[in-house]
Amino acid sequence: MNRDIIEKFPNQRKRQKDFKCSIGFAMTVIGSKWRAIILWHILKNDPIRYGELKKSIPNISHKVLSQELKSLEMDGLIERIAYTTIPPKVEYIPTDRGKSLENILTELCLWGKKYMNS
């Protein structure tokens, strides 16, 4: 892994040491119950506000959504844009790193549909 990326995202250094296999590392980044779903909605509705995201994923709690958004931002997959307006406005957009997962998530979605219908 590129040293600049590790220094920019210090959580990745620890996770990288935990796995000998790159798929294990990748799954720690996108593999929680909600992360891929959240990222999928951000990719498909760029930009998206918190309330719209919550409506798109009704079974997720506010606490978990907030925690996962912070984690996705710390991992460099999304960017949080806060506007200094009244009332305050926040939008989430995918970063280039997040966008690089779009094809993978699309394939997972297609596989899931096929598997659910078999």
N, C-alpha and C. Protein backbone atom coordinates (compact mmCIF):
# COMPACT_ATOMS: atom_id res chain seq x y z
N MET A 1 0.85 -1.18 0.00
CA MET A 1 0.00 0.00 0.00
C MET A 1 0.89 1.24 0.00
N ASN A 2 0.49 2.25 -0.70
CA ASN A 2 1.23 3.48 -0.83
C ASN A 2 1.43 4.14 0.54
N ARG A 3 2.66 4.53 0.87
CA ARG A 3 2.99 5.13 2.16
C ARG A 3 2.19 6.41 2.41
N ASP A 4 1.99 7.25 1.36
CA ASP A 4 1.21 8.49 1.52
C ASP A 4 -0.21 8.19 1.95
N ILE A 5 -0.80 7.14 1.39
CA ILE A 5 -2.17 6.77 1.75
C ILE A 5 -2.21 6.31 3.21
N ILE A 6 -1.23 5.53 3.63
CA ILE A 6 -1.21 5.05 5.01
C ILE A 6 -1.07 6.23 5.97
N GLU A 7 -0.23 7.19 5.65
CA GLU A 7 -0.06 8.34 6.52
C GLU A 7 -1.31 9.20 6.55
N LYS A 8 -2.01 9.30 5.44
CA LYS A 8 -3.23 10.10 5.39
C LYS A 8 -4.38 9.41 6.12
N PHE A 9 -4.41 8.09 6.09
CA PHE A 9 -5.47 7.31 6.73
C PHE A 9 -4.84 6.33 7.72
N PRO A 10 -4.48 6.81 8.93
CA PRO A 10 -3.73 5.98 9.88
C PRO A 10 -4.45 4.71 10.30
N ASN A 11 -5.77 4.65 10.27
CA ASN A 11 -6.50 3.43 10.62
C ASN A 11 -6.12 2.28 9.70
N GLN A 12 -5.73 2.60 8.48
CA GLN A 12 -5.41 1.56 7.51
C GLN A 12 -4.13 0.82 7.87
N ARG A 13 -3.21 1.47 8.53
CA ARG A 13 -1.96 0.80 8.91
C ARG A 13 -2.27 -0.38 9.83
N LYS A 14 -3.10 -0.18 10.83
CA LYS A 14 -3.46 -1.26 11.75
C LYS A 14 -4.21 -2.35 11.02
N ARG A 15 -5.21 -1.96 10.24
CA ARG A 15 -6.00 -2.97 9.52
C ARG A 15 -5.15 -3.75 8.54
N GLN A 16 -4.20 -3.08 7.89
CA GLN A 16 -3.36 -3.76 6.92
C GLN A 16 -2.52 -4.83 7.61
N LYS A 17 -2.05 -4.56 8.83
CA LYS A 17 -1.25 -5.53 9.57
C LYS A 17 -2.08 -6.72 10.02
N ASP A 18 -3.38 -6.54 10.18
CA ASP A 18 -4.25 -7.61 10.66
C ASP A 18 -4.48 -8.70 9.61
N PHE A 19 -4.19 -8.43 8.35
CA PHE A 19 -4.51 -9.38 7.29
C PHE A 19 -3.32 -9.65 6.40
N LYS A 20 -3.15 -10.89 6.06
CA LYS A 20 -2.16 -11.29 5.06
C LYS A 20 -2.79 -11.24 3.67
N CYS A 21 -4.12 -11.31 3.63
CA CYS A 21 -4.88 -11.38 2.39
C CYS A 21 -5.55 -10.03 2.12
N SER A 22 -5.44 -9.54 0.91
CA SER A 22 -6.02 -8.23 0.59
C SER A 22 -7.54 -8.23 0.65
N ILE A 23 -8.20 -9.39 0.44
CA ILE A 23 -9.66 -9.41 0.52
C ILE A 23 -10.11 -9.18 1.95
N GLY A 24 -9.38 -9.70 2.91
CA GLY A 24 -9.70 -9.46 4.32
C GLY A 24 -9.61 -7.98 4.65
N PHE A 25 -8.55 -7.33 4.15
CA PHE A 25 -8.40 -5.89 4.36
C PHE A 25 -9.55 -5.13 3.71
N ALA A 26 -9.88 -5.48 2.47
CA ALA A 26 -10.96 -4.80 1.76
C ALA A 26 -12.28 -4.95 2.51
N MET A 27 -12.53 -6.12 3.05
CA MET A 27 -13.79 -6.35 3.76
C MET A 27 -13.87 -5.54 5.05
N THR A 28 -12.75 -5.21 5.67
CA THR A 28 -12.81 -4.35 6.85
C THR A 28 -13.20 -2.93 6.47
N VAL A 29 -12.89 -2.55 5.25
CA VAL A 29 -13.22 -1.19 4.80
C VAL A 29 -14.68 -1.09 4.38
N ILE A 30 -15.22 -2.09 3.68
CA ILE A 30 -16.60 -1.99 3.18
C ILE A 30 -17.51 -3.07 3.71
N GLY A 31 -17.02 -3.94 4.59
CA GLY A 31 -17.76 -5.15 4.91
C GLY A 31 -18.69 -5.13 6.11
N SER A 32 -18.93 -4.01 6.75
CA SER A 32 -19.87 -4.03 7.86
C SER A 32 -21.29 -4.19 7.31
N LYS A 33 -22.21 -4.41 8.20
CA LYS A 33 -23.60 -4.63 7.78
C LYS A 33 -24.12 -3.47 6.93
N TRP A 34 -23.72 -2.25 7.24
CA TRP A 34 -24.31 -1.08 6.60
C TRP A 34 -23.41 -0.33 5.64
N ARG A 35 -22.11 -0.45 5.76
CA ARG A 35 -21.19 0.40 4.99
C ARG A 35 -21.40 0.36 3.49
N ALA A 36 -21.47 -0.82 2.91
CA ALA A 36 -21.63 -0.92 1.46
C ALA A 36 -22.96 -0.32 1.02
N ILE A 37 -24.00 -0.51 1.84
CA ILE A 37 -25.32 0.04 1.52
C ILE A 37 -25.28 1.55 1.54
N ILE A 38 -24.67 2.12 2.56
CA ILE A 38 -24.56 3.58 2.67
C ILE A 38 -23.77 4.13 1.49
N LEU A 39 -22.63 3.52 1.21
CA LEU A 39 -21.80 3.98 0.10
C LEU A 39 -22.55 3.85 -1.22
N TRP A 40 -23.30 2.78 -1.41
CA TRP A 40 -24.11 2.57 -2.62
C TRP A 40 -25.08 3.75 -2.82
N HIS A 41 -25.79 4.13 -1.75
CA HIS A 41 -26.75 5.23 -1.86
C HIS A 41 -26.06 6.57 -2.13
N ILE A 42 -24.89 6.77 -1.54
CA ILE A 42 -24.14 8.01 -1.80
C ILE A 42 -23.66 8.04 -3.25
N LEU A 43 -23.21 6.90 -3.75
CA LEU A 43 -22.77 6.83 -5.15
C LEU A 43 -23.92 7.10 -6.11
N LYS A 44 -25.09 6.59 -5.81
CA LYS A 44 -26.23 6.70 -6.71
C LYS A 44 -26.99 8.02 -6.59
N ASN A 45 -26.77 8.76 -5.50
CA ASN A 45 -27.51 10.01 -5.27
C ASN A 45 -26.55 11.14 -4.93
N ASP A 46 -25.48 11.24 -5.68
CA ASP A 46 -24.42 12.21 -5.42
C ASP A 46 -24.85 13.61 -5.84
N PRO A 47 -24.87 14.60 -4.97
CA PRO A 47 -24.68 14.56 -3.53
C PRO A 47 -25.98 14.16 -2.82
N ILE A 48 -25.85 13.73 -1.56
CA ILE A 48 -27.03 13.34 -0.79
C ILE A 48 -26.92 13.92 0.61
N ARG A 49 -28.05 14.38 1.12
CA ARG A 49 -28.09 14.93 2.47
C ARG A 49 -28.41 13.81 3.46
N TYR A 50 -28.11 14.06 4.72
CA TYR A 50 -28.29 13.06 5.76
C TYR A 50 -29.73 12.54 5.80
N GLY A 51 -30.70 13.45 5.78
CA GLY A 51 -32.10 13.05 5.85
C GLY A 51 -32.53 12.17 4.68
N GLU A 52 -32.05 12.50 3.49
CA GLU A 52 -32.36 11.68 2.31
C GLU A 52 -31.75 10.29 2.45
N LEU A 53 -30.54 10.26 2.98
CA LEU A 53 -29.85 8.98 3.18
C LEU A 53 -30.60 8.13 4.20
N LYS A 54 -31.05 8.75 5.28
CA LYS A 54 -31.79 8.03 6.32
C LYS A 54 -33.10 7.47 5.75
N LYS A 55 -33.79 8.25 4.91
CA LYS A 55 -35.03 7.77 4.28
C LYS A 55 -34.75 6.60 3.33
N SER A 56 -33.60 6.61 2.68
CA SER A 56 -33.24 5.55 1.75
C SER A 56 -32.92 4.24 2.45
N ILE A 57 -32.53 4.34 3.72
CA ILE A 57 -32.15 3.15 4.51
C ILE A 57 -32.96 3.19 5.81
N PRO A 58 -34.25 2.91 5.76
CA PRO A 58 -35.11 3.12 6.93
C PRO A 58 -34.79 2.24 8.14
N ASN A 59 -34.17 1.10 7.96
CA ASN A 59 -33.92 0.20 9.09
C ASN A 59 -32.67 0.53 9.89
N ILE A 60 -31.90 1.51 9.46
CA ILE A 60 -30.67 1.88 10.17
C ILE A 60 -31.00 2.95 11.22
N SER A 61 -30.39 2.84 12.39
CA SER A 61 -30.61 3.84 13.43
C SER A 61 -29.78 5.09 13.12
N HIS A 62 -30.18 6.21 13.70
CA HIS A 62 -29.43 7.45 13.50
C HIS A 62 -28.00 7.30 14.03
N LYS A 63 -27.86 6.64 15.18
CA LYS A 63 -26.54 6.46 15.77
C LYS A 63 -25.62 5.68 14.85
N VAL A 64 -26.10 4.56 14.35
CA VAL A 64 -25.27 3.73 13.47
C VAL A 64 -24.96 4.46 12.17
N LEU A 65 -25.95 5.14 11.60
CA LEU A 65 -25.72 5.88 10.36
C LEU A 65 -24.63 6.94 10.58
N SER A 66 -24.72 7.68 11.66
CA SER A 66 -23.71 8.70 11.95
C SER A 66 -22.33 8.09 12.12
N GLN A 67 -22.25 6.97 12.86
CA GLN A 67 -20.96 6.31 13.07
C GLN A 67 -20.36 5.80 11.76
N GLU A 68 -21.20 5.19 10.93
CA GLU A 68 -20.70 4.64 9.67
C GLU A 68 -20.28 5.75 8.70
N LEU A 69 -21.02 6.85 8.69
CA LEU A 69 -20.62 7.98 7.85
C LEU A 69 -19.25 8.52 8.27
N LYS A 70 -19.04 8.63 9.58
CA LYS A 70 -17.74 9.09 10.08
C LYS A 70 -16.63 8.12 9.68
N SER A 71 -16.90 6.82 9.78
CA SER A 71 -15.91 5.82 9.40
C SER A 71 -15.60 5.87 7.91
N LEU A 72 -16.65 5.99 7.09
CA LEU A 72 -16.44 6.08 5.64
C LEU A 72 -15.63 7.32 5.29
N GLU A 73 -15.87 8.41 6.01
CA GLU A 73 -15.12 9.64 5.78
C GLU A 73 -13.66 9.46 6.22
N MET A 74 -13.45 8.83 7.38
CA MET A 74 -12.08 8.59 7.87
C MET A 74 -11.29 7.70 6.92
N ASP A 75 -11.98 6.77 6.26
CA ASP A 75 -11.32 5.88 5.31
C ASP A 75 -11.16 6.50 3.93
N GLY A 76 -11.62 7.73 3.77
CA GLY A 76 -11.44 8.43 2.51
C GLY A 76 -12.35 7.98 1.40
N LEU A 77 -13.49 7.34 1.75
CA LEU A 77 -14.43 6.87 0.73
C LEU A 77 -15.50 7.90 0.41
N ILE A 78 -15.81 8.76 1.38
CA ILE A 78 -16.78 9.83 1.16
C ILE A 78 -16.23 11.13 1.71
N GLU A 79 -16.84 12.20 1.27
CA GLU A 79 -16.49 13.53 1.77
C GLU A 79 -17.75 14.16 2.33
N ARG A 80 -17.61 14.79 3.48
CA ARG A 80 -18.72 15.50 4.12
C ARG A 80 -18.53 16.98 3.84
N ILE A 81 -19.54 17.59 3.24
CA ILE A 81 -19.48 19.02 2.92
C ILE A 81 -20.51 19.74 3.79
N ALA A 82 -20.03 20.59 4.68
CA ALA A 82 -20.90 21.35 5.57
C ALA A 82 -21.02 22.78 5.05
N TYR A 83 -22.26 23.22 4.89
CA TYR A 83 -22.52 24.59 4.42
C TYR A 83 -22.87 25.45 5.63
N THR A 84 -22.36 26.68 5.64
CA THR A 84 -22.63 27.59 6.75
C THR A 84 -23.89 28.39 6.45
N THR A 85 -25.01 27.70 6.44
CA THR A 85 -26.30 28.32 6.19
C THR A 85 -27.18 28.10 7.41
N ILE A 86 -28.27 28.81 7.45
CA ILE A 86 -29.26 28.60 8.50
C ILE A 86 -30.54 28.17 7.81
N PRO A 87 -31.06 26.99 8.08
CA PRO A 87 -30.49 25.97 8.97
C PRO A 87 -29.26 25.34 8.34
N PRO A 88 -28.42 24.71 9.18
CA PRO A 88 -27.20 24.09 8.66
C PRO A 88 -27.53 23.01 7.62
N LYS A 89 -26.65 22.88 6.64
CA LYS A 89 -26.85 21.90 5.58
C LYS A 89 -25.57 21.10 5.40
N VAL A 90 -25.70 19.77 5.36
CA VAL A 90 -24.56 18.88 5.16
C VAL A 90 -24.89 17.94 4.01
N GLU A 91 -23.94 17.76 3.12
CA GLU A 91 -24.08 16.81 2.02
C GLU A 91 -22.90 15.85 2.03
N TYR A 92 -23.16 14.67 1.50
CA TYR A 92 -22.12 13.65 1.38
C TYR A 92 -21.93 13.32 -0.09
N ILE A 93 -20.66 13.24 -0.48
CA ILE A 93 -20.33 12.88 -1.86
C ILE A 93 -19.23 11.81 -1.82
N PRO A 94 -19.18 10.96 -2.84
CA PRO A 94 -18.10 9.97 -2.87
C PRO A 94 -16.80 10.62 -3.30
N THR A 95 -15.70 10.16 -2.75
CA THR A 95 -14.39 10.58 -3.21
C THR A 95 -14.01 9.71 -4.40
N ASP A 96 -12.88 9.99 -5.00
CA ASP A 96 -12.40 9.14 -6.10
C ASP A 96 -12.20 7.71 -5.61
N ARG A 97 -11.71 7.57 -4.39
CA ARG A 97 -11.52 6.24 -3.82
C ARG A 97 -12.87 5.54 -3.66
N GLY A 98 -13.87 6.26 -3.20
CA GLY A 98 -15.22 5.70 -3.07
C GLY A 98 -15.81 5.33 -4.42
N LYS A 99 -15.60 6.21 -5.40
CA LYS A 99 -16.11 5.94 -6.75
C LYS A 99 -15.47 4.70 -7.36
N SER A 100 -14.25 4.40 -6.94
CA SER A 100 -13.57 3.22 -7.49
C SER A 100 -14.25 1.92 -7.06
N LEU A 101 -15.12 1.97 -6.08
CA LEU A 101 -15.86 0.79 -5.62
C LEU A 101 -17.20 0.62 -6.32
N GLU A 102 -17.60 1.56 -7.16
CA GLU A 102 -18.92 1.50 -7.78
C GLU A 102 -19.14 0.23 -8.59
N ASN A 103 -18.21 -0.16 -9.43
CA ASN A 103 -18.39 -1.38 -10.23
C ASN A 103 -18.47 -2.62 -9.35
N ILE A 104 -17.67 -2.66 -8.30
CA ILE A 104 -17.69 -3.80 -7.38
C ILE A 104 -19.04 -3.89 -6.68
N LEU A 105 -19.54 -2.75 -6.20
CA LEU A 105 -20.83 -2.75 -5.51
C LEU A 105 -21.97 -3.08 -6.47
N THR A 106 -21.86 -2.63 -7.71
CA THR A 106 -22.87 -2.97 -8.72
C THR A 106 -22.90 -4.47 -8.94
N GLU A 107 -21.74 -5.09 -9.07
CA GLU A 107 -21.67 -6.54 -9.25
C GLU A 107 -22.24 -7.27 -8.03
N LEU A 108 -21.94 -6.79 -6.83
CA LEU A 108 -22.50 -7.40 -5.62
C LEU A 108 -24.02 -7.28 -5.61
N CYS A 109 -24.52 -6.15 -6.04
CA CYS A 109 -25.97 -5.93 -6.11
C CYS A 109 -26.61 -6.92 -7.08
N LEU A 110 -26.02 -7.05 -8.26
CA LEU A 110 -26.55 -7.98 -9.27
C LEU A 110 -26.50 -9.42 -8.77
N TRP A 111 -25.38 -9.79 -8.12
CA TRP A 111 -25.25 -11.14 -7.58
C TRP A 111 -26.32 -11.37 -6.51
N GLY A 112 -26.53 -10.37 -5.65
CA GLY A 112 -27.54 -10.48 -4.60
C GLY A 112 -28.94 -10.68 -5.16
N LYS A 113 -29.28 -9.91 -6.20
CA LYS A 113 -30.61 -10.07 -6.83
C LYS A 113 -30.77 -11.46 -7.38
N LYS A 114 -29.73 -11.93 -8.07
CA LYS A 114 -29.80 -13.27 -8.68
C LYS A 114 -29.92 -14.34 -7.60
N TYR A 115 -29.14 -14.22 -6.54
CA TYR A 115 -29.15 -15.21 -5.48
C TYR A 115 -30.48 -15.19 -4.71
N MET A 116 -31.04 -14.01 -4.49
CA MET A 116 -32.31 -13.89 -3.78
C MET A 116 -33.46 -14.52 -4.58
N ASN A 117 -33.37 -14.44 -5.90
CA ASN A 117 -34.44 -14.96 -6.76
C ASN A 117 -34.26 -16.41 -7.16
N SER A 118 -33.23 -17.08 -6.64
CA SER A 118 -33.04 -18.48 -7.04
C SER A 118 -33.58 -19.44 -5.98
